[in-house]
């Protein structure tokens, strides 16, 4: 009974988010252009949808909600597991610890050298943001390489066992 109720709430939330996303996309694509004198792009001959900021804010809301739900669910599962088997729960933290170590290493590998960006006068071309961007890129590269190796490894293992 409880599972059915959770599934109904989950489906309702999914449909509400989908409808809001479709409305925001409709406003973005069909909401017209920003007047030329108000455009933020360096080349004002390029088109700039009037509701770009609405789309960006909605994406941030979805990102923050996703992160919050993921963290809350992970904490809930950790506490639940810790009550049943503390040793197993602590062992499950190894993946998080390895990810944090990977983030630290890739941040240290990142370059803080300012970029020469034509037409950009913003404040984000500083070592912190440059190294943070490199950290995310390098982390994605490492995780993708691990994923490919795991796929190949499990395929070989399946062929050997099967």
N, C-alpha and C. Protein backbone atom coordinates (compact mmCIF):
# COMPACT_ATOMS: atom_id res chain seq x y z
N UNK A 1 0.83 -1.20 0.00
CA UNK A 1 0.00 0.00 0.00
C UNK A 1 0.87 1.27 0.00
N UNK A 2 1.87 1.27 0.88
CA UNK A 2 2.76 2.43 0.99
C UNK A 2 3.52 2.66 -0.31
N UNK A 3 3.94 1.55 -0.94
CA UNK A 3 4.70 1.66 -2.19
C UNK A 3 3.85 2.29 -3.29
N UNK A 4 2.59 1.93 -3.35
CA UNK A 4 1.70 2.49 -4.37
C UNK A 4 1.53 3.99 -4.18
N UNK A 5 1.41 4.43 -2.92
CA UNK A 5 1.24 5.86 -2.64
C UNK A 5 2.49 6.64 -3.03
N UNK A 6 3.66 6.08 -2.71
CA UNK A 6 4.92 6.73 -3.07
C UNK A 6 5.04 6.81 -4.58
N UNK A 7 4.63 5.76 -5.27
CA UNK A 7 4.70 5.75 -6.73
C UNK A 7 3.76 6.80 -7.34
N UNK A 8 2.58 6.96 -6.76
CA UNK A 8 1.64 7.98 -7.26
C UNK A 8 2.19 9.38 -7.06
N UNK A 9 2.77 9.64 -5.88
CA UNK A 9 3.36 10.95 -5.61
C UNK A 9 4.53 11.19 -6.56
N UNK A 10 5.36 10.18 -6.75
CA UNK A 10 6.51 10.29 -7.65
C UNK A 10 6.06 10.61 -9.08
N UNK A 11 5.04 9.92 -9.55
CA UNK A 11 4.51 10.18 -10.89
C UNK A 11 3.93 11.59 -11.00
N UNK A 12 3.23 12.03 -9.96
CA UNK A 12 2.65 13.37 -9.97
C UNK A 12 3.75 14.43 -10.05
N UNK A 13 4.80 14.26 -9.25
CA UNK A 13 5.92 15.21 -9.27
C UNK A 13 6.58 15.21 -10.65
N UNK A 14 6.77 14.03 -11.23
CA UNK A 14 7.36 13.94 -12.56
C UNK A 14 6.54 14.70 -13.59
N UNK A 15 5.22 14.51 -13.58
CA UNK A 15 4.37 15.18 -14.55
C UNK A 15 4.34 16.69 -14.34
N UNK A 16 4.32 17.14 -13.09
CA UNK A 16 4.34 18.58 -12.81
C UNK A 16 5.64 19.20 -13.33
N UNK A 17 6.79 18.54 -13.05
CA UNK A 17 8.07 19.05 -13.53
C UNK A 17 8.13 19.04 -15.06
N UNK A 18 7.59 18.01 -15.67
CA UNK A 18 7.57 17.93 -17.13
C UNK A 18 6.72 19.05 -17.74
N UNK A 19 5.56 19.33 -17.16
CA UNK A 19 4.69 20.39 -17.67
C UNK A 19 5.36 21.76 -17.51
N UNK A 20 5.96 22.00 -16.33
CA UNK A 20 6.66 23.28 -16.12
C UNK A 20 7.81 23.41 -17.11
N UNK A 21 8.56 22.34 -17.32
CA UNK A 21 9.68 22.37 -18.26
C UNK A 21 9.20 22.68 -19.68
N UNK A 22 8.11 22.07 -20.09
CA UNK A 22 7.57 22.34 -21.43
C UNK A 22 7.11 23.79 -21.55
N UNK A 23 6.50 24.33 -20.51
CA UNK A 23 6.07 25.74 -20.54
C UNK A 23 7.29 26.65 -20.65
N UNK A 24 8.32 26.39 -19.84
CA UNK A 24 9.54 27.22 -19.87
C UNK A 24 10.20 27.12 -21.25
N UNK A 25 10.28 25.92 -21.81
CA UNK A 25 10.86 25.78 -23.14
C UNK A 25 10.03 26.50 -24.20
N UNK A 26 8.71 26.43 -24.08
CA UNK A 26 7.84 27.14 -25.01
C UNK A 26 8.06 28.64 -24.95
N UNK A 27 8.16 29.17 -23.73
CA UNK A 27 8.41 30.61 -23.56
C UNK A 27 9.77 30.97 -24.13
N UNK A 28 10.77 30.11 -23.92
CA UNK A 28 12.12 30.37 -24.42
C UNK A 28 12.13 30.39 -25.95
N UNK A 29 11.56 29.36 -26.58
CA UNK A 29 11.62 29.27 -28.04
C UNK A 29 10.66 30.21 -28.77
N UNK A 30 9.50 30.48 -28.17
CA UNK A 30 8.50 31.27 -28.88
C UNK A 30 8.24 32.63 -28.24
N UNK A 31 9.07 33.03 -27.27
CA UNK A 31 8.85 34.27 -26.53
C UNK A 31 9.45 35.50 -27.15
N UNK A 32 9.98 35.37 -28.32
CA UNK A 32 10.53 36.54 -29.00
C UNK A 32 12.00 36.75 -28.73
N UNK A 33 12.51 37.87 -29.29
CA UNK A 33 13.93 38.21 -29.19
C UNK A 33 14.13 39.40 -28.25
N UNK A 34 15.29 39.45 -27.64
CA UNK A 34 15.68 40.60 -26.84
C UNK A 34 15.97 41.77 -27.78
N UNK A 35 15.49 42.99 -27.44
CA UNK A 35 15.80 44.14 -28.29
C UNK A 35 17.32 44.30 -28.46
N UNK A 36 17.74 44.75 -29.62
CA UNK A 36 19.16 44.84 -29.94
C UNK A 36 19.93 45.65 -28.90
N UNK A 37 19.36 46.75 -28.40
CA UNK A 37 20.08 47.60 -27.44
C UNK A 37 20.24 46.94 -26.07
N UNK A 38 19.49 45.88 -25.79
CA UNK A 38 19.58 45.19 -24.49
C UNK A 38 20.32 43.85 -24.55
N UNK A 39 20.84 43.50 -25.70
CA UNK A 39 21.49 42.20 -25.85
C UNK A 39 22.82 42.15 -25.10
N UNK A 40 23.10 40.97 -24.57
CA UNK A 40 24.33 40.77 -23.80
C UNK A 40 25.45 40.16 -24.63
N UNK A 41 25.12 39.63 -25.80
CA UNK A 41 26.13 39.00 -26.65
C UNK A 41 27.04 40.06 -27.24
N UNK A 42 28.30 39.68 -27.51
CA UNK A 42 29.26 40.64 -28.06
C UNK A 42 28.85 41.08 -29.46
N UNK A 43 28.34 40.16 -30.25
CA UNK A 43 27.91 40.46 -31.61
C UNK A 43 26.39 40.63 -31.59
N UNK A 44 25.92 41.87 -31.61
CA UNK A 44 24.48 42.13 -31.48
C UNK A 44 23.67 41.69 -32.69
N UNK A 45 24.34 41.27 -33.75
CA UNK A 45 23.60 40.75 -34.91
C UNK A 45 23.12 39.32 -34.65
N UNK A 46 23.68 38.68 -33.62
CA UNK A 46 23.25 37.32 -33.27
C UNK A 46 21.94 37.39 -32.51
N UNK A 47 21.12 36.36 -32.67
CA UNK A 47 19.83 36.35 -31.97
C UNK A 47 20.03 36.00 -30.49
N UNK A 48 19.17 36.56 -29.66
CA UNK A 48 19.19 36.28 -28.22
C UNK A 48 17.75 36.18 -27.75
N UNK A 49 17.29 34.97 -27.43
CA UNK A 49 15.91 34.82 -26.98
C UNK A 49 15.63 35.68 -25.75
N UNK A 50 14.43 36.22 -25.67
CA UNK A 50 14.07 37.16 -24.60
C UNK A 50 14.04 36.49 -23.23
N UNK A 51 13.75 35.21 -23.18
CA UNK A 51 13.58 34.54 -21.89
C UNK A 51 14.68 33.53 -21.60
N UNK A 52 15.90 33.86 -21.99
CA UNK A 52 17.03 32.99 -21.70
C UNK A 52 17.24 32.84 -20.21
N UNK A 53 17.11 33.93 -19.47
CA UNK A 53 17.32 33.87 -18.01
C UNK A 53 16.29 32.98 -17.34
N UNK A 54 15.06 32.95 -17.86
CA UNK A 54 14.03 32.07 -17.29
C UNK A 54 14.44 30.62 -17.44
N UNK A 55 14.95 30.25 -18.61
CA UNK A 55 15.40 28.88 -18.84
C UNK A 55 16.57 28.53 -17.93
N UNK A 56 17.52 29.43 -17.78
CA UNK A 56 18.70 29.18 -16.95
C UNK A 56 18.29 29.02 -15.48
N UNK A 57 17.39 29.88 -15.00
CA UNK A 57 16.92 29.76 -13.61
C UNK A 57 16.21 28.44 -13.40
N UNK A 58 15.37 28.02 -14.35
CA UNK A 58 14.66 26.74 -14.22
C UNK A 58 15.66 25.57 -14.18
N UNK A 59 16.72 25.65 -15.00
CA UNK A 59 17.73 24.59 -14.99
C UNK A 59 18.44 24.56 -13.64
N UNK A 60 18.74 25.73 -13.05
CA UNK A 60 19.36 25.77 -11.72
C UNK A 60 18.43 25.18 -10.67
N UNK A 61 17.15 25.49 -10.75
CA UNK A 61 16.18 24.93 -9.80
C UNK A 61 16.17 23.41 -9.90
N UNK A 62 16.13 22.88 -11.12
CA UNK A 62 16.14 21.42 -11.30
C UNK A 62 17.44 20.81 -10.80
N UNK A 63 18.57 21.45 -11.06
CA UNK A 63 19.85 20.95 -10.60
C UNK A 63 19.92 20.90 -9.08
N UNK A 64 19.52 21.99 -8.43
CA UNK A 64 19.56 22.05 -6.97
C UNK A 64 18.60 21.03 -6.36
N UNK A 65 17.42 20.89 -6.95
CA UNK A 65 16.46 19.90 -6.44
C UNK A 65 17.00 18.49 -6.60
N UNK A 66 17.65 18.21 -7.72
CA UNK A 66 18.23 16.88 -7.96
C UNK A 66 19.33 16.59 -6.95
N UNK A 67 20.20 17.54 -6.72
CA UNK A 67 21.28 17.37 -5.75
C UNK A 67 20.70 17.16 -4.35
N UNK A 68 19.71 17.96 -3.98
CA UNK A 68 19.11 17.84 -2.64
C UNK A 68 18.46 16.47 -2.45
N UNK A 69 17.69 16.02 -3.42
CA UNK A 69 17.03 14.72 -3.31
C UNK A 69 18.06 13.60 -3.24
N UNK A 70 19.11 13.70 -4.06
CA UNK A 70 20.15 12.67 -4.07
C UNK A 70 20.87 12.60 -2.73
N UNK A 71 21.25 13.75 -2.18
CA UNK A 71 21.96 13.77 -0.90
C UNK A 71 21.06 13.26 0.23
N UNK A 72 19.81 13.69 0.24
CA UNK A 72 18.88 13.24 1.29
C UNK A 72 18.66 11.73 1.20
N UNK A 73 18.48 11.22 0.00
CA UNK A 73 18.28 9.77 -0.17
C UNK A 73 19.53 9.00 0.24
N UNK A 74 20.71 9.51 -0.11
CA UNK A 74 21.96 8.83 0.26
C UNK A 74 22.13 8.82 1.79
N UNK A 75 21.84 9.94 2.42
CA UNK A 75 21.94 10.00 3.90
C UNK A 75 20.94 9.06 4.55
N UNK A 76 19.73 9.03 4.03
CA UNK A 76 18.70 8.14 4.57
C UNK A 76 19.14 6.68 4.46
N UNK A 77 19.64 6.30 3.27
CA UNK A 77 20.10 4.92 3.07
C UNK A 77 21.30 4.59 3.94
N UNK A 78 22.21 5.57 4.12
CA UNK A 78 23.38 5.34 4.97
C UNK A 78 22.95 5.11 6.41
N UNK A 79 22.06 5.95 6.92
CA UNK A 79 21.60 5.80 8.31
C UNK A 79 20.87 4.47 8.48
N UNK A 80 20.02 4.13 7.51
CA UNK A 80 19.28 2.87 7.56
C UNK A 80 20.26 1.68 7.56
N UNK A 81 21.25 1.74 6.70
CA UNK A 81 22.27 0.68 6.62
C UNK A 81 23.12 0.64 7.88
N UNK A 82 23.43 1.81 8.43
CA UNK A 82 24.26 1.89 9.63
C UNK A 82 23.58 1.23 10.82
N UNK A 83 22.27 1.37 10.90
CA UNK A 83 21.51 0.75 11.99
C UNK A 83 21.57 -0.77 11.87
N UNK A 84 21.45 -1.29 10.64
CA UNK A 84 21.48 -2.74 10.42
C UNK A 84 22.88 -3.32 10.52
N UNK A 85 23.84 -2.68 9.86
CA UNK A 85 25.21 -3.20 9.82
C UNK A 85 26.20 -2.04 9.70
N UNK A 86 26.73 -1.55 10.82
CA UNK A 86 27.65 -0.41 10.79
C UNK A 86 28.89 -0.64 9.91
N UNK A 87 29.43 -1.86 9.95
CA UNK A 87 30.64 -2.16 9.17
C UNK A 87 30.35 -2.03 7.67
N UNK A 88 29.23 -2.54 7.23
CA UNK A 88 28.85 -2.47 5.82
C UNK A 88 28.57 -1.02 5.41
N UNK A 89 27.97 -0.24 6.29
CA UNK A 89 27.67 1.16 6.00
C UNK A 89 28.95 1.97 5.84
N UNK A 90 29.91 1.73 6.72
CA UNK A 90 31.19 2.46 6.64
C UNK A 90 31.91 2.08 5.35
N UNK A 91 31.84 0.80 4.96
CA UNK A 91 32.47 0.33 3.73
C UNK A 91 31.85 1.02 2.51
N UNK A 92 30.57 1.37 2.59
CA UNK A 92 29.91 2.03 1.46
C UNK A 92 30.42 3.46 1.24
N UNK A 93 31.11 4.01 2.23
CA UNK A 93 31.66 5.36 2.09
C UNK A 93 32.94 5.40 1.27
N UNK A 94 33.51 4.23 0.96
CA UNK A 94 34.77 4.18 0.21
C UNK A 94 34.63 4.88 -1.14
N UNK A 95 33.52 4.66 -1.82
CA UNK A 95 33.30 5.31 -3.12
C UNK A 95 33.28 6.82 -3.02
N UNK A 96 32.62 7.34 -1.99
CA UNK A 96 32.56 8.80 -1.80
C UNK A 96 33.95 9.34 -1.48
N UNK A 97 34.69 8.62 -0.64
CA UNK A 97 36.04 9.06 -0.28
C UNK A 97 36.94 9.08 -1.52
N UNK A 98 36.84 8.04 -2.35
CA UNK A 98 37.64 8.00 -3.58
C UNK A 98 37.26 9.14 -4.54
N UNK A 99 35.96 9.45 -4.63
CA UNK A 99 35.53 10.55 -5.48
C UNK A 99 36.08 11.89 -4.98
N UNK A 100 36.04 12.11 -3.66
CA UNK A 100 36.58 13.34 -3.09
C UNK A 100 38.08 13.44 -3.37
N UNK A 101 38.80 12.32 -3.22
CA UNK A 101 40.23 12.32 -3.53
C UNK A 101 40.48 12.64 -5.00
N UNK A 102 39.67 12.06 -5.88
CA UNK A 102 39.79 12.35 -7.31
C UNK A 102 39.56 13.83 -7.58
N UNK A 103 38.56 14.41 -6.94
CA UNK A 103 38.29 15.85 -7.12
C UNK A 103 39.46 16.71 -6.64
N UNK A 104 40.06 16.33 -5.53
CA UNK A 104 41.21 17.09 -5.00
C UNK A 104 42.39 17.00 -5.97
N UNK A 105 42.67 15.80 -6.47
CA UNK A 105 43.79 15.60 -7.40
C UNK A 105 43.55 16.37 -8.70
N UNK A 106 42.35 16.27 -9.24
CA UNK A 106 42.08 16.94 -10.51
C UNK A 106 42.04 18.46 -10.35
N UNK A 107 41.64 18.95 -9.18
CA UNK A 107 41.70 20.40 -8.92
C UNK A 107 43.17 20.85 -8.92
N UNK A 108 44.02 20.06 -8.28
CA UNK A 108 45.45 20.40 -8.23
C UNK A 108 46.06 20.36 -9.63
N UNK A 109 45.56 19.48 -10.50
CA UNK A 109 46.08 19.37 -11.87
C UNK A 109 45.63 20.54 -12.75
N UNK A 110 44.54 21.20 -12.39
CA UNK A 110 43.97 22.26 -13.21
C UNK A 110 44.87 23.46 -13.35
N UNK A 111 44.69 24.16 -14.46
CA UNK A 111 45.49 25.35 -14.74
C UNK A 111 44.75 26.60 -14.27
N UNK A 112 45.46 27.49 -13.61
CA UNK A 112 44.88 28.75 -13.18
C UNK A 112 45.25 29.90 -14.08
N UNK A 113 45.87 29.59 -15.21
CA UNK A 113 46.32 30.63 -16.14
C UNK A 113 45.13 31.30 -16.82
N UNK A 114 45.10 32.63 -16.76
CA UNK A 114 43.99 33.38 -17.36
C UNK A 114 43.87 33.10 -18.85
N UNK A 115 42.63 33.04 -19.31
CA UNK A 115 42.36 32.82 -20.73
C UNK A 115 42.23 34.15 -21.45
N UNK A 116 42.67 34.19 -22.69
CA UNK A 116 42.52 35.38 -23.51
C UNK A 116 41.21 35.24 -24.28
N UNK A 117 40.15 35.83 -23.74
CA UNK A 117 38.82 35.71 -24.33
C UNK A 117 38.41 37.05 -24.93
N UNK A 118 38.28 37.09 -26.23
CA UNK A 118 37.93 38.32 -26.93
C UNK A 118 36.48 38.69 -26.62
N UNK A 119 36.25 39.90 -26.18
CA UNK A 119 34.91 40.39 -25.91
C UNK A 119 34.37 40.01 -24.54
N UNK A 120 35.19 39.38 -23.68
CA UNK A 120 34.73 38.99 -22.35
C UNK A 120 35.37 39.88 -21.31
N UNK A 121 34.52 40.54 -20.52
CA UNK A 121 35.01 41.42 -19.47
C UNK A 121 34.52 40.98 -18.10
N UNK A 122 34.10 39.74 -17.97
CA UNK A 122 33.53 39.24 -16.71
C UNK A 122 34.58 39.03 -15.64
N UNK A 123 34.10 38.62 -14.48
CA UNK A 123 34.97 38.46 -13.31
C UNK A 123 35.33 36.99 -13.06
N UNK A 124 34.89 36.07 -13.92
CA UNK A 124 35.13 34.65 -13.66
C UNK A 124 36.42 34.13 -14.29
N UNK A 125 37.16 34.94 -14.98
CA UNK A 125 38.42 34.50 -15.60
C UNK A 125 39.56 34.63 -14.59
N UNK A 126 39.39 33.94 -13.46
CA UNK A 126 40.36 33.98 -12.36
C UNK A 126 40.78 32.54 -12.06
N UNK A 127 41.94 32.35 -11.40
CA UNK A 127 42.45 31.00 -11.17
C UNK A 127 41.45 30.03 -10.52
N UNK A 128 40.69 30.48 -9.52
CA UNK A 128 39.77 29.56 -8.84
C UNK A 128 38.78 28.93 -9.81
N UNK A 129 38.08 29.76 -10.61
CA UNK A 129 37.07 29.24 -11.53
C UNK A 129 37.70 28.43 -12.65
N UNK A 130 38.87 28.83 -13.10
CA UNK A 130 39.56 28.09 -14.16
C UNK A 130 39.97 26.71 -13.67
N UNK A 131 40.52 26.64 -12.45
CA UNK A 131 40.92 25.35 -11.89
C UNK A 131 39.70 24.48 -11.59
N UNK A 132 38.61 25.11 -11.15
CA UNK A 132 37.38 24.36 -10.86
C UNK A 132 36.81 23.74 -12.15
N UNK A 133 36.82 24.51 -13.22
CA UNK A 133 36.35 23.99 -14.51
C UNK A 133 37.23 22.84 -14.97
N UNK A 134 38.53 23.00 -14.86
CA UNK A 134 39.44 21.91 -15.22
C UNK A 134 39.19 20.68 -14.35
N UNK A 135 38.93 20.91 -13.06
CA UNK A 135 38.66 19.80 -12.14
C UNK A 135 37.48 18.98 -12.63
N UNK A 136 36.39 19.65 -12.99
CA UNK A 136 35.21 18.93 -13.46
C UNK A 136 35.49 18.20 -14.77
N UNK A 137 36.19 18.85 -15.69
CA UNK A 137 36.50 18.21 -16.97
C UNK A 137 37.38 16.97 -16.77
N UNK A 138 38.46 17.11 -15.99
CA UNK A 138 39.36 15.98 -15.75
C UNK A 138 38.64 14.84 -15.02
N UNK A 139 37.78 15.20 -14.08
CA UNK A 139 37.02 14.18 -13.35
C UNK A 139 36.11 13.42 -14.30
N UNK A 140 35.45 14.13 -15.20
CA UNK A 140 34.60 13.47 -16.19
C UNK A 140 35.43 12.54 -17.06
N UNK A 141 36.62 12.98 -17.49
CA UNK A 141 37.48 12.14 -18.33
C UNK A 141 37.87 10.86 -17.58
N UNK A 142 38.28 11.00 -16.33
CA UNK A 142 38.71 9.84 -15.55
C UNK A 142 37.53 8.88 -15.33
N UNK A 143 36.38 9.41 -14.96
CA UNK A 143 35.22 8.56 -14.72
C UNK A 143 34.76 7.86 -16.01
N UNK A 144 34.83 8.55 -17.14
CA UNK A 144 34.47 7.92 -18.41
C UNK A 144 35.46 6.81 -18.76
N UNK A 145 36.74 7.03 -18.53
CA UNK A 145 37.75 5.99 -18.79
C UNK A 145 37.50 4.78 -17.90
N UNK A 146 37.21 5.02 -16.63
CA UNK A 146 36.90 3.91 -15.71
C UNK A 146 35.66 3.17 -16.19
N UNK A 147 34.65 3.90 -16.64
CA UNK A 147 33.43 3.28 -17.15
C UNK A 147 33.71 2.38 -18.35
N UNK A 148 34.50 2.86 -19.29
CA UNK A 148 34.83 2.07 -20.48
C UNK A 148 35.60 0.82 -20.08
N UNK A 149 36.57 0.98 -19.17
CA UNK A 149 37.35 -0.18 -18.71
C UNK A 149 36.46 -1.20 -18.00
N UNK A 150 35.52 -0.73 -17.20
CA UNK A 150 34.60 -1.65 -16.52
C UNK A 150 33.70 -2.38 -17.52
N UNK A 151 33.21 -1.67 -18.51
CA UNK A 151 32.37 -2.32 -19.53
C UNK A 151 33.16 -3.41 -20.25
N UNK A 152 34.38 -3.09 -20.65
CA UNK A 152 35.22 -4.08 -21.32
C UNK A 152 35.54 -5.24 -20.38
N UNK A 153 35.90 -4.91 -19.16
CA UNK A 153 36.25 -5.94 -18.17
C UNK A 153 35.09 -6.89 -17.88
N UNK A 154 33.90 -6.35 -17.69
CA UNK A 154 32.74 -7.20 -17.42
C UNK A 154 32.35 -8.02 -18.65
N UNK A 155 32.53 -7.47 -19.85
CA UNK A 155 32.25 -8.24 -21.07
C UNK A 155 33.22 -9.41 -21.20
N UNK A 156 34.50 -9.19 -20.92
CA UNK A 156 35.49 -10.26 -20.96
C UNK A 156 35.17 -11.30 -19.90
N UNK A 157 34.86 -10.86 -18.71
CA UNK A 157 34.53 -11.78 -17.60
C UNK A 157 33.31 -12.65 -17.96
N UNK A 158 32.31 -12.03 -18.59
CA UNK A 158 31.11 -12.77 -18.97
C UNK A 158 31.45 -13.83 -20.02
N UNK A 159 32.32 -13.49 -20.98
CA UNK A 159 32.73 -14.44 -22.01
C UNK A 159 33.52 -15.60 -21.41
N UNK A 160 34.38 -15.30 -20.46
CA UNK A 160 35.21 -16.34 -19.83
C UNK A 160 34.33 -17.28 -19.00
N UNK A 161 33.41 -16.73 -18.21
CA UNK A 161 32.55 -17.54 -17.35
C UNK A 161 31.47 -18.26 -18.13
N UNK A 162 30.98 -17.64 -19.19
CA UNK A 162 29.83 -18.19 -19.92
C UNK A 162 30.25 -19.12 -20.96
